[in-house]
Amino acid sequence: MTLPVILLPVGVDDAALDACLAALETATPAGTPVWLADDAQGGPRVQAVIEPWLARTQLQAEYTRRPRAIGESAHLEEMLRACGDADVAVLAPDALPLPGWLQHLCDCLARDASIATATPWSNAGETVAWPRAGELNPLPPDAARLARACAAMPLLHPELPSAVTHAVLIRGSARRRAGGLDTQSCASWYAALVDLSLRMSGLGWRNVLCDNAFVGRHAEGRPADGDMEVLGNRWPTWTARLAGFLMDDPLHAHRLQLQQLYEQAALPARQPDLFGDGDEPAAEAVP
C-alpha cells in the first residue's frame, strides 16, 4: 500500500522541530514522501535543523520556503492544492508520532469510505487526549510500550466533533468536494480544520478517531484572534457540541481500555525512548 504524502508546516521552534523530525524518522517507513513547507517562518536555527536532516533522512523528503509569509491556513491550503485529490497527512511541527501511526491512519480510511478524516490519540489532543480528555497530559514516558498498547485496541472508529490538528489524515476526494480550507475566514489551521471537518460532515462524511494510532505533542493547537467568532457565527451549535463532548466524554471507556492495555503491555527490558535521548530509564506507567 502506497503511503500518502506527509505535510509538515515548518514553525519557529527549532528544538520542537528537531524532536519531531527525529520521531518521524523512527516511526515512519523509509521512502515515505514528506514535504516540509516553510511560510517564511524558520530562522537560521530552524535551517540548521532541517539541512542536516534532509541530508541523512531515509524518507523521501523535500523542503520549500516561501519568500514572504501568507499566513497559516493559506499556506496549508496552498500545500493541499498542490497534492491534488490525493489523501494527505498533516502533521504539526511539534508532533511526536509513534511507530505505525501513518499506516494505521491509512488503514482507517480504507476500512470505511464514509470516513473523511482520521485523527490519532494524543496526550494533547483535546477531544482525543489521553489518558484524560480535554487536558494537556504529560508525554508518555514509554512510547514503545504505548505503541504496542495502541496496536491491541479494538477498531471502533468513533465519530469526533471534528479532526484535531496534532495529526490528521484527510481523504482527498472529501476535501475537494467540500471546497478545501476557507482561508478568507479562518486564519489558523485549528479553525480551518474545524470548519472543513464540519463541511465534510454536512456532506455525509465522518471525522473519526483512529483507535490504534498515537501522535504526541508538546501543546494543543490554538485558534487565531477572531477565529472562534467565525466558527460560532457559521456553526452556531459548534461550541456547545464541543463542550458537551468534553464533559460527557463518550470515549471514556475507550480511554480506560487503552490505559489498561498500556499497563499490561510487556516489553523487553531495554527499549529506546522515542520521546527522549534514551539516557534515562523509562517509567512504567502514565502518571
C-alpha atoms as a PDB file:
ATOM      1  CA  MET A   1       0.000   0.000   0.000  1.00  0.00           C
ATOM      2  CA  THR A   2       1.421   3.364  -1.039  1.00  0.00           C
ATOM      3  CA  LEU A   3       1.569   5.771   1.879  1.00  0.00           C
ATOM      4  CA  PRO A   4       0.309   9.344   1.436  1.00  0.00           C
ATOM      5  CA  VAL A   5       2.482  12.426   1.468  1.00  0.00           C
ATOM      6  CA  ILE A   6       3.047  13.944   4.900  1.00  0.00           C
ATOM      7  CA  LEU A   7       2.686  17.724   5.020  1.00  0.00           C
ATOM      8  CA  LEU A   8       4.703  19.298   7.802  1.00  0.00           C
ATOM      9  CA  PRO A   9       4.393  23.103   8.063  1.00  0.00           C
ATOM     10  CA  VAL A  10       7.653  24.428   9.495  1.00  0.00           C
ATOM     11  CA  GLY A  11       7.368  26.521  12.662  1.00  0.00           C
ATOM     12  CA  VAL A  12       9.765  28.760  14.556  1.00  0.00           C
ATOM     13  CA  ASP A  13      10.705  26.366  17.396  1.00  0.00           C
ATOM     14  CA  ASP A  14      13.915  24.650  16.305  1.00  0.00           C
ATOM     15  CA  ALA A  15      14.052  22.271  19.295  1.00  0.00           C
ATOM     16  CA  ALA A  16      10.469  21.078  18.738  1.00  0.00           C
ATOM     17  CA  LEU A  17      11.108  20.609  15.028  1.00  0.00           C
ATOM     18  CA  ASP A  18      14.293  18.647  15.721  1.00  0.00           C
ATOM     19  CA  ALA A  19      12.408  16.287  18.037  1.00  0.00           C
ATOM     20  CA  CYS A  20       9.555  15.991  15.521  1.00  0.00           C
ATOM     21  CA  LEU A  21      11.872  15.026  12.668  1.00  0.00           C
ATOM     22  CA  ALA A  22      13.715  12.505  14.844  1.00  0.00           C
ATOM     23  CA  ALA A  23      10.441  10.844  15.886  1.00  0.00           C
ATOM     24  CA  LEU A  24       9.139  10.953  12.312  1.00  0.00           C
ATOM     25  CA  GLU A  25      12.271   9.190  11.068  1.00  0.00           C
ATOM     26  CA  THR A  26      11.903   6.436  13.670  1.00  0.00           C
ATOM     27  CA  ALA A  27       8.137   5.960  13.330  1.00  0.00           C
ATOM     28  CA  THR A  28       7.648   6.171   9.549  1.00  0.00           C
ATOM     29  CA  PRO A  29       8.659   3.695   6.824  1.00  0.00           C
ATOM     30  CA  ALA A  30      11.668   4.628   4.692  1.00  0.00           C
ATOM     31  CA  GLY A  31      10.706   6.191   1.382  1.00  0.00           C
ATOM     32  CA  THR A  32       7.522   7.820   2.658  1.00  0.00           C
ATOM     33  CA  PRO A  33       7.099  11.221   0.983  1.00  0.00           C
ATOM     34  CA  VAL A  34       7.415  14.178   3.370  1.00  0.00           C
ATOM     35  CA  TRP A  35       7.039  17.827   2.436  1.00  0.00           C
ATOM     36  CA  LEU A  36       8.487  20.368   4.866  1.00  0.00           C
ATOM     37  CA  ALA A  37       6.996  23.714   3.877  1.00  0.00           C
ATOM     38  CA  ASP A  38       8.182  26.981   5.401  1.00  0.00           C
ATOM     39  CA  ASP A  39       5.910  30.020   5.251  1.00  0.00           C
ATOM     40  CA  ALA A  40       8.947  32.315   5.716  1.00  0.00           C
ATOM     41  CA  GLN A  41       8.879  31.424   9.437  1.00  0.00           C
ATOM     42  CA  GLY A  42      12.008  29.427  10.179  1.00  0.00           C
ATOM     43  CA  GLY A  43      15.159  31.351  11.075  1.00  0.00           C
ATOM     44  CA  PRO A  44      18.798  30.223  10.954  1.00  0.00           C
ATOM     45  CA  ARG A  45      18.383  27.809  13.869  1.00  0.00           C
ATOM     46  CA  VAL A  46      15.479  26.083  12.096  1.00  0.00           C
ATOM     47  CA  GLN A  47      17.530  25.903   8.906  1.00  0.00           C
ATOM     48  CA  ALA A  48      20.335  24.323  10.909  1.00  0.00           C
ATOM     49  CA  VAL A  49      17.922  21.554  11.949  1.00  0.00           C
ATOM     50  CA  ILE A  50      16.416  20.944   8.509  1.00  0.00           C
ATOM     51  CA  GLU A  51      19.518  20.871   6.313  1.00  0.00           C
ATOM     52  CA  PRO A  52      21.413  18.025   8.027  1.00  0.00           C
ATOM     53  CA  TRP A  53      18.189  16.058   8.470  1.00  0.00           C
ATOM     54  CA  LEU A  54      17.480  16.292   4.728  1.00  0.00           C
ATOM     55  CA  ALA A  55      20.985  15.027   4.027  1.00  0.00           C
ATOM     56  CA  ARG A  56      20.635  11.878   6.139  1.00  0.00           C
ATOM     57  CA  THR A  57      16.903  11.002   6.200  1.00  0.00           C
ATOM     58  CA  GLN A  58      15.630   7.718   4.757  1.00  0.00           C
ATOM     59  CA  LEU A  59      12.306   9.405   3.982  1.00  0.00           C
ATOM     60  CA  GLN A  60      11.587  10.923   0.592  1.00  0.00           C
ATOM     61  CA  ALA A  61      11.755  14.477   1.895  1.00  0.00           C
ATOM     62  CA  GLU A  62      11.506  17.857   0.208  1.00  0.00           C
ATOM     63  CA  TYR A  63      11.760  21.342   1.681  1.00  0.00           C
ATOM     64  CA  THR A  64      10.298  24.573   0.320  1.00  0.00           C
ATOM     65  CA  ARG A  65      10.349  28.099   1.697  1.00  0.00           C
ATOM     66  CA  ARG A  66       8.177  30.983   0.610  1.00  0.00           C
ATOM     67  CA  PRO A  67       9.866  34.365   0.140  1.00  0.00           C
ATOM     68  CA  ARG A  68       7.016  36.064   2.030  1.00  0.00           C
ATOM     69  CA  ALA A  69       4.547  34.721   4.578  1.00  0.00           C
ATOM     70  CA  ILE A  70       0.920  34.317   3.518  1.00  0.00           C
ATOM     71  CA  GLY A  71      -0.487  33.003   6.810  1.00  0.00           C
ATOM     72  CA  GLU A  72      -1.037  29.606   8.379  1.00  0.00           C
ATOM     73  CA  SER A  73      -4.275  28.474   6.759  1.00  0.00           C
ATOM     74  CA  ALA A  74      -3.457  29.993   3.350  1.00  0.00           C
ATOM     75  CA  HIS A  75      -0.066  28.294   3.346  1.00  0.00           C
ATOM     76  CA  LEU A  76      -1.540  24.916   4.228  1.00  0.00           C
ATOM     77  CA  GLU A  77      -4.258  25.250   1.591  1.00  0.00           C
ATOM     78  CA  GLU A  78      -1.542  26.000  -0.966  1.00  0.00           C
ATOM     79  CA  MET A  79       0.165  22.740   0.050  1.00  0.00           C
ATOM     80  CA  LEU A  80      -3.074  20.749  -0.065  1.00  0.00           C
ATOM     81  CA  ARG A  81      -3.958  22.034  -3.521  1.00  0.00           C
ATOM     82  CA  ALA A  82      -0.525  21.058  -4.786  1.00  0.00           C
ATOM     83  CA  CYS A  83      -1.338  17.478  -3.738  1.00  0.00           C
ATOM     84  CA  GLY A  84      -4.456  17.385  -5.918  1.00  0.00           C
ATOM     85  CA  ASP A  85      -7.051  14.785  -4.959  1.00  0.00           C
ATOM     86  CA  ALA A  86      -4.602  12.593  -3.047  1.00  0.00           C
ATOM     87  CA  ASP A  87      -5.130  11.668   0.588  1.00  0.00           C
ATOM     88  CA  VAL A  88      -2.776  13.771   2.702  1.00  0.00           C
ATOM     89  CA  ALA A  89      -1.499  13.505   6.285  1.00  0.00           C
ATOM     90  CA  VAL A  90      -0.909  16.845   8.024  1.00  0.00           C
ATOM     91  CA  LEU A  91       1.472  16.729  10.966  1.00  0.00           C
ATOM     92  CA  ALA A  92       2.063  19.544  13.463  1.00  0.00           C
ATOM     93  CA  PRO A  93       5.680  20.802  13.594  1.00  0.00           C
ATOM     94  CA  ASP A  94       5.954  19.807  17.269  1.00  0.00           C
ATOM     95  CA  ALA A  95       4.310  16.398  16.841  1.00  0.00           C
ATOM     96  CA  LEU A  96       5.920  13.159  18.036  1.00  0.00           C
ATOM     97  CA  PRO A  97       4.472  10.205  16.132  1.00  0.00           C
ATOM     98  CA  LEU A  98       4.674   6.650  17.442  1.00  0.00           C
ATOM     99  CA  PRO A  99       5.617   3.710  15.192  1.00  0.00           C
ATOM    100  CA  GLY A 100       2.857   2.615  12.841  1.00  0.00           C
ATOM    101  CA  TRP A 101       0.981   5.906  13.073  1.00  0.00           C
ATOM    102  CA  LEU A 102       0.684   6.572   9.332  1.00  0.00           C
ATOM    103  CA  GLN A 103      -0.136   3.014   8.273  1.00  0.00           C
ATOM    104  CA  HIS A 104      -2.842   2.828  10.951  1.00  0.00           C
ATOM    105  CA  LEU A 105      -4.366   6.099   9.710  1.00  0.00           C
ATOM    106  CA  CYS A 106      -4.341   4.824   6.128  1.00  0.00           C
ATOM    107  CA  ASP A 107      -5.950   1.545   7.166  1.00  0.00           C
ATOM    108  CA  CYS A 108      -8.636   3.524   8.987  1.00  0.00           C
ATOM    109  CA  LEU A 109      -9.627   5.407   5.832  1.00  0.00           C
ATOM    110  CA  ALA A 110      -9.504   2.211   3.787  1.00  0.00           C
ATOM    111  CA  ARG A 111     -11.930   0.403   6.100  1.00  0.00           C
ATOM    112  CA  ASP A 112     -14.807   2.838   5.601  1.00  0.00           C
ATOM    113  CA  ALA A 113     -15.419   5.021   2.548  1.00  0.00           C
ATOM    114  CA  SER A 114     -17.538   7.377   4.662  1.00  0.00           C
ATOM    115  CA  ILE A 115     -14.528   8.484   6.735  1.00  0.00           C
ATOM    116  CA  ALA A 116     -13.210  11.897   5.671  1.00  0.00           C
ATOM    117  CA  THR A 117     -10.629  12.414   8.420  1.00  0.00           C
ATOM    118  CA  ALA A 118      -8.805  10.048  10.748  1.00  0.00           C
ATOM    119  CA  THR A 119      -7.236  11.532  13.880  1.00  0.00           C
ATOM    120  CA  PRO A 120      -4.933   9.574  16.221  1.00  0.00           C
ATOM    121  CA  TRP A 121      -4.840   9.697  20.002  1.00  0.00           C
ATOM    122  CA  SER A 122      -2.549  12.290  21.580  1.00  0.00           C
ATOM    123  CA  ASN A 123      -1.510  13.451  25.009  1.00  0.00           C
ATOM    124  CA  ALA A 124      -2.529  16.967  23.863  1.00  0.00           C
ATOM    125  CA  GLY A 125      -5.410  16.200  21.538  1.00  0.00           C
ATOM    126  CA  GLU A 126      -8.428  17.965  23.078  1.00  0.00           C
ATOM    127  CA  THR A 127     -11.282  15.506  22.316  1.00  0.00           C
ATOM    128  CA  VAL A 128      -8.809  12.662  21.685  1.00  0.00           C
ATOM    129  CA  ALA A 129      -6.454  13.474  24.567  1.00  0.00           C
ATOM    130  CA  TRP A 130      -5.210  10.519  26.604  1.00  0.00           C
ATOM    131  CA  PRO A 131      -5.374   9.495  29.353  1.00  0.00           C
ATOM    132  CA  ARG A 132      -7.629  12.422  30.338  1.00  0.00           C
ATOM    133  CA  ALA A 133      -9.914  14.199  27.872  1.00  0.00           C
ATOM    134  CA  GLY A 134      -9.527  17.909  27.306  1.00  0.00           C
ATOM    135  CA  GLU A 135      -6.245  18.136  29.239  1.00  0.00           C
ATOM    136  CA  LEU A 136      -2.637  18.752  28.351  1.00  0.00           C
ATOM    137  CA  ASN A 137      -1.401  15.388  29.594  1.00  0.00           C
ATOM    138  CA  PRO A 138       2.321  14.727  30.001  1.00  0.00           C
ATOM    139  CA  LEU A 139       4.067  12.981  27.135  1.00  0.00           C
ATOM    140  CA  PRO A 140       4.002   9.206  27.609  1.00  0.00           C
ATOM    141  CA  PRO A 141       7.209   8.092  29.346  1.00  0.00           C
ATOM    142  CA  ASP A 142       7.397   4.797  27.424  1.00  0.00           C
ATOM    143  CA  ALA A 143       6.487   5.379  23.790  1.00  0.00           C
ATOM    144  CA  ALA A 144       7.293   1.878  22.543  1.00  0.00           C
ATOM    145  CA  ARG A 145       5.062   0.358  25.196  1.00  0.00           C
ATOM    146  CA  LEU A 146       2.240   2.717  24.287  1.00  0.00           C
ATOM    147  CA  ALA A 147       2.585   1.863  20.587  1.00  0.00           C
ATOM    148  CA  ARG A 148       2.090  -1.801  21.478  1.00  0.00           C
ATOM    149  CA  ALA A 149      -0.955  -0.967  23.581  1.00  0.00           C
ATOM    150  CA  CYS A 150      -2.483   1.083  20.765  1.00  0.00           C
ATOM    151  CA  ALA A 151      -1.921  -1.765  18.300  1.00  0.00           C
ATOM    152  CA  ALA A 152      -4.071  -4.003  20.505  1.00  0.00           C
ATOM    153  CA  MET A 153      -7.027  -1.601  20.649  1.00  0.00           C
ATOM    154  CA  PRO A 154     -10.384  -2.621  19.136  1.00  0.00           C
ATOM    155  CA  LEU A 155     -11.074  -0.685  15.943  1.00  0.00           C
ATOM    156  CA  LEU A 156     -14.327   1.124  16.655  1.00  0.00           C
ATOM    157  CA  HIS A 157     -13.513   4.393  14.827  1.00  0.00           C
ATOM    158  CA  PRO A 158     -15.864   6.504  16.979  1.00  0.00           C
ATOM    159  CA  GLU A 159     -17.015   9.779  15.459  1.00  0.00           C
ATOM    160  CA  LEU A 160     -15.489  13.040  16.691  1.00  0.00           C
ATOM    161  CA  PRO A 161     -16.888  16.580  16.621  1.00  0.00           C
ATOM    162  CA  SER A 162     -14.022  17.426  14.238  1.00  0.00           C
ATOM    163  CA  ALA A 163     -10.491  16.397  13.342  1.00  0.00           C
ATOM    164  CA  VAL A 164      -7.686  17.689  15.586  1.00  0.00           C
ATOM    165  CA  THR A 165      -4.513  19.472  14.499  1.00  0.00           C
ATOM    166  CA  HIS A 166      -1.721  17.359  16.059  1.00  0.00           C
ATOM    167  CA  ALA A 167      -2.058  14.879  13.171  1.00  0.00           C
ATOM    168  CA  VAL A 168      -4.820  14.106  10.696  1.00  0.00           C
ATOM    169  CA  LEU A 169      -5.200  12.074   7.534  1.00  0.00           C
ATOM    170  CA  ILE A 170      -7.641  13.777   5.144  1.00  0.00           C
ATOM    171  CA  ARG A 171      -9.422  11.982   2.310  1.00  0.00           C
ATOM    172  CA  GLY A 172      -8.629  13.949  -0.825  1.00  0.00           C
ATOM    173  CA  SER A 173     -11.971  13.403  -2.554  1.00  0.00           C
ATOM    174  CA  ALA A 174     -13.890  14.606   0.509  1.00  0.00           C
ATOM    175  CA  ARG A 175     -11.653  17.663   0.875  1.00  0.00           C
ATOM    176  CA  ARG A 176     -12.119  18.592  -2.787  1.00  0.00           C
ATOM    177  CA  ARG A 177     -15.895  18.203  -2.687  1.00  0.00           C
ATOM    178  CA  ALA A 178     -16.121  20.308   0.484  1.00  0.00           C
ATOM    179  CA  GLY A 179     -14.128  23.089  -1.205  1.00  0.00           C
ATOM    180  CA  GLY A 180     -10.864  22.935   0.734  1.00  0.00           C
ATOM    181  CA  LEU A 181      -9.858  25.285   3.535  1.00  0.00           C
ATOM    182  CA  ASP A 182     -11.624  28.621   3.958  1.00  0.00           C
ATOM    183  CA  THR A 183      -8.542  30.804   4.069  1.00  0.00           C
ATOM    184  CA  GLN A 184     -10.548  34.019   3.769  1.00  0.00           C
ATOM    185  CA  SER A 185     -12.402  33.484   7.051  1.00  0.00           C
ATOM    186  CA  CYS A 186     -10.052  31.294   9.131  1.00  0.00           C
ATOM    187  CA  ALA A 187      -6.500  32.435   9.781  1.00  0.00           C
ATOM    188  CA  SER A 188      -5.387  29.408  11.821  1.00  0.00           C
ATOM    189  CA  TRP A 189      -5.083  25.752  10.863  1.00  0.00           C
ATOM    190  CA  TYR A 190      -7.061  24.974  14.036  1.00  0.00           C
ATOM    191  CA  ALA A 191     -10.157  26.865  12.884  1.00  0.00           C
ATOM    192  CA  ALA A 192      -9.761  25.969   9.212  1.00  0.00           C
ATOM    193  CA  LEU A 193      -9.661  22.254  10.074  1.00  0.00           C
ATOM    194  CA  VAL A 194     -12.743  22.504  12.290  1.00  0.00           C
ATOM    195  CA  ASP A 195     -14.617  24.338   9.524  1.00  0.00           C
ATOM    196  CA  LEU A 196     -13.524  21.815   6.877  1.00  0.00           C
ATOM    197  CA  SER A 197     -14.474  18.906   9.142  1.00  0.00           C
ATOM    198  CA  LEU A 198     -17.958  20.318   9.689  1.00  0.00           C
ATOM    199  CA  ARG A 199     -18.494  20.961   5.977  1.00  0.00           C
ATOM    200  CA  MET A 200     -17.437  17.403   5.127  1.00  0.00           C
ATOM    201  CA  SER A 201     -19.702  16.088   7.870  1.00  0.00           C
ATOM    202  CA  GLY A 202     -22.584  18.058   6.380  1.00  0.00           C
ATOM    203  CA  LEU A 203     -21.956  16.272   3.083  1.00  0.00           C
ATOM    204  CA  GLY A 204     -22.259  12.865   4.739  1.00  0.00           C
ATOM    205  CA  TRP A 205     -18.654  12.035   5.664  1.00  0.00           C
ATOM    206  CA  ARG A 206     -17.361  11.223   9.132  1.00  0.00           C
ATOM    207  CA  ASN A 207     -14.496  12.567  11.246  1.00  0.00           C
ATOM    208  CA  VAL A 208     -13.254   9.703  13.412  1.00  0.00           C
ATOM    209  CA  LEU A 209     -10.680   8.595  15.938  1.00  0.00           C
ATOM    210  CA  CYS A 210      -8.090   6.136  14.675  1.00  0.00           C
ATOM    211  CA  ASP A 211      -8.112   3.873  17.718  1.00  0.00           C
ATOM    212  CA  ASN A 212      -4.694   2.260  17.218  1.00  0.00           C
ATOM    213  CA  ALA A 213      -2.546   5.302  16.335  1.00  0.00           C
ATOM    214  CA  PHE A 214      -0.912   7.814  18.679  1.00  0.00           C
ATOM    215  CA  VAL A 215       0.924  11.084  17.980  1.00  0.00           C
ATOM    216  CA  GLY A 216       2.274  13.042  20.932  1.00  0.00           C
ATOM    217  CA  ARG A 217       2.557  16.808  21.085  1.00  0.00           C
ATOM    218  CA  HIS A 218       4.024  19.415  23.422  1.00  0.00           C
ATOM    219  CA  ALA A 219       0.956  21.717  23.317  1.00  0.00           C
ATOM    220  CA  GLU A 220      -2.537  21.880  21.847  1.00  0.00           C
ATOM    221  CA  GLY A 221      -3.321  23.783  18.677  1.00  0.00           C
ATOM    222  CA  ARG A 222      -4.802  27.242  19.114  1.00  0.00           C
ATOM    223  CA  PRO A 223      -7.124  29.451  17.046  1.00  0.00           C
ATOM    224  CA  ALA A 224      -6.014  32.852  15.828  1.00  0.00           C
ATOM    225  CA  ASP A 225      -7.689  36.026  17.074  1.00  0.00           C
ATOM    226  CA  GLY A 226     -11.235  36.186  15.741  1.00  0.00           C
ATOM    227  CA  ASP A 227     -11.335  32.583  14.538  1.00  0.00           C
ATOM    228  CA  MET A 228     -13.667  31.330  17.263  1.00  0.00           C
ATOM    229  CA  GLU A 229     -16.132  34.105  16.448  1.00  0.00           C
ATOM    230  CA  VAL A 230     -16.064  32.986  12.814  1.00  0.00           C
ATOM    231  CA  LEU A 231     -16.771  29.388  13.811  1.00  0.00           C
ATOM    232  CA  GLY A 232     -19.501  30.463  16.229  1.00  0.00           C
ATOM    233  CA  ASN A 233     -21.284  32.545  13.598  1.00  0.00           C
ATOM    234  CA  ARG A 234     -21.009  29.936  10.866  1.00  0.00           C
ATOM    235  CA  TRP A 235     -21.696  26.919  13.082  1.00  0.00           C
ATOM    236  CA  PRO A 236     -23.914  28.140  15.968  1.00  0.00           C
ATOM    237  CA  THR A 237     -24.070  24.731  17.687  1.00  0.00           C
ATOM    238  CA  TRP A 238     -20.329  24.020  17.437  1.00  0.00           C
ATOM    239  CA  THR A 239     -19.170  25.420  20.775  1.00  0.00           C
ATOM    240  CA  ALA A 240     -21.934  23.650  22.703  1.00  0.00           C
ATOM    241  CA  ARG A 241     -21.255  20.395  20.863  1.00  0.00           C
ATOM    242  CA  LEU A 242     -17.540  20.528  21.651  1.00  0.00           C
ATOM    243  CA  ALA A 243     -18.176  21.408  25.293  1.00  0.00           C
ATOM    244  CA  GLY A 244     -20.734  18.627  25.612  1.00  0.00           C
ATOM    245  CA  PHE A 245     -18.344  16.095  24.095  1.00  0.00           C
ATOM    246  CA  LEU A 246     -15.597  17.043  26.536  1.00  0.00           C
ATOM    247  CA  MET A 247     -17.935  16.985  29.546  1.00  0.00           C
ATOM    248  CA  ASP A 248     -19.787  13.769  28.657  1.00  0.00           C
ATOM    249  CA  ASP A 249     -16.627  12.089  27.314  1.00  0.00           C
ATOM    250  CA  PRO A 250     -18.198   9.369  25.143  1.00  0.00           C
ATOM    251  CA  LEU A 251     -14.661   7.968  24.670  1.00  0.00           C
ATOM    252  CA  HIS A 252     -14.197   7.388  28.415  1.00  0.00           C
ATOM    253  CA  ALA A 253     -14.416   3.584  28.225  1.00  0.00           C
ATOM    254  CA  HIS A 254     -12.120   3.590  25.200  1.00  0.00           C
ATOM    255  CA  ARG A 255      -9.546   5.654  27.102  1.00  0.00           C
ATOM    256  CA  LEU A 256      -9.707   3.276  30.043  1.00  0.00           C
ATOM    257  CA  GLN A 257      -9.162   0.324  27.733  1.00  0.00           C
ATOM    258  CA  LEU A 258      -6.040   1.950  26.290  1.00  0.00           C
ATOM    259  CA  GLN A 259      -4.822   2.650  29.832  1.00  0.00           C
ATOM    260  CA  GLN A 260      -5.326  -0.985  30.795  1.00  0.00           C
ATOM    261  CA  LEU A 261      -3.531  -2.223  27.682  1.00  0.00           C
ATOM    262  CA  TYR A 262      -0.652   0.143  28.405  1.00  0.00           C
ATOM    263  CA  GLU A 263      -0.349  -1.134  31.959  1.00  0.00           C
ATOM    264  CA  GLN A 264      -0.470  -4.749  30.796  1.00  0.00           C
ATOM    265  CA  ALA A 265       1.907  -4.330  27.862  1.00  0.00           C
ATOM    266  CA  ALA A 266       5.025  -6.454  28.392  1.00  0.00           C
ATOM    267  CA  LEU A 267       8.180  -5.206  26.695  1.00  0.00           C
ATOM    268  CA  PRO A 268      11.779  -6.368  26.677  1.00  0.00           C
ATOM    269  CA  ALA A 269      13.873  -4.933  29.481  1.00  0.00           C
ATOM    270  CA  ARG A 270      15.603  -2.328  27.312  1.00  0.00           C
ATOM    271  CA  GLN A 271      13.652  -0.172  24.879  1.00  0.00           C
ATOM    272  CA  PRO A 272      14.651   3.138  23.264  1.00  0.00           C
ATOM    273  CA  ASP A 273      12.730   6.165  24.475  1.00  0.00           C
ATOM    274  CA  LEU A 274      11.289   7.687  21.306  1.00  0.00           C
ATOM    275  CA  PHE A 275      10.450  10.895  23.132  1.00  0.00           C
ATOM    276  CA  GLY A 276      13.828  11.499  24.755  1.00  0.00           C
ATOM    277  CA  ASP A 277      17.526  10.916  24.478  1.00  0.00           C
ATOM    278  CA  GLY A 278      17.355   7.403  25.904  1.00  0.00           C
ATOM    279  CA  ASP A 279      19.738   8.180  28.790  1.00  0.00           C
ATOM    280  CA  GLU A 280      17.122   7.778  31.499  1.00  0.00           C
ATOM    281  CA  PRO A 281      15.170   4.575  32.239  1.00  0.00           C
ATOM    282  CA  ALA A 282      11.555   4.652  31.083  1.00  0.00           C
ATOM    283  CA  ALA A 283       8.813   4.908  33.674  1.00  0.00           C
ATOM    284  CA  GLU A 284       6.386   2.039  33.977  1.00  0.00           C
ATOM    285  CA  ALA A 285       3.077   3.904  33.988  1.00  0.00           C
ATOM    286  CA  VAL A 286       1.493   7.120  32.866  1.00  0.00           C
ATOM    287  CA  PRO A 287       1.041   9.482  35.817  1.00  0.00           C
END
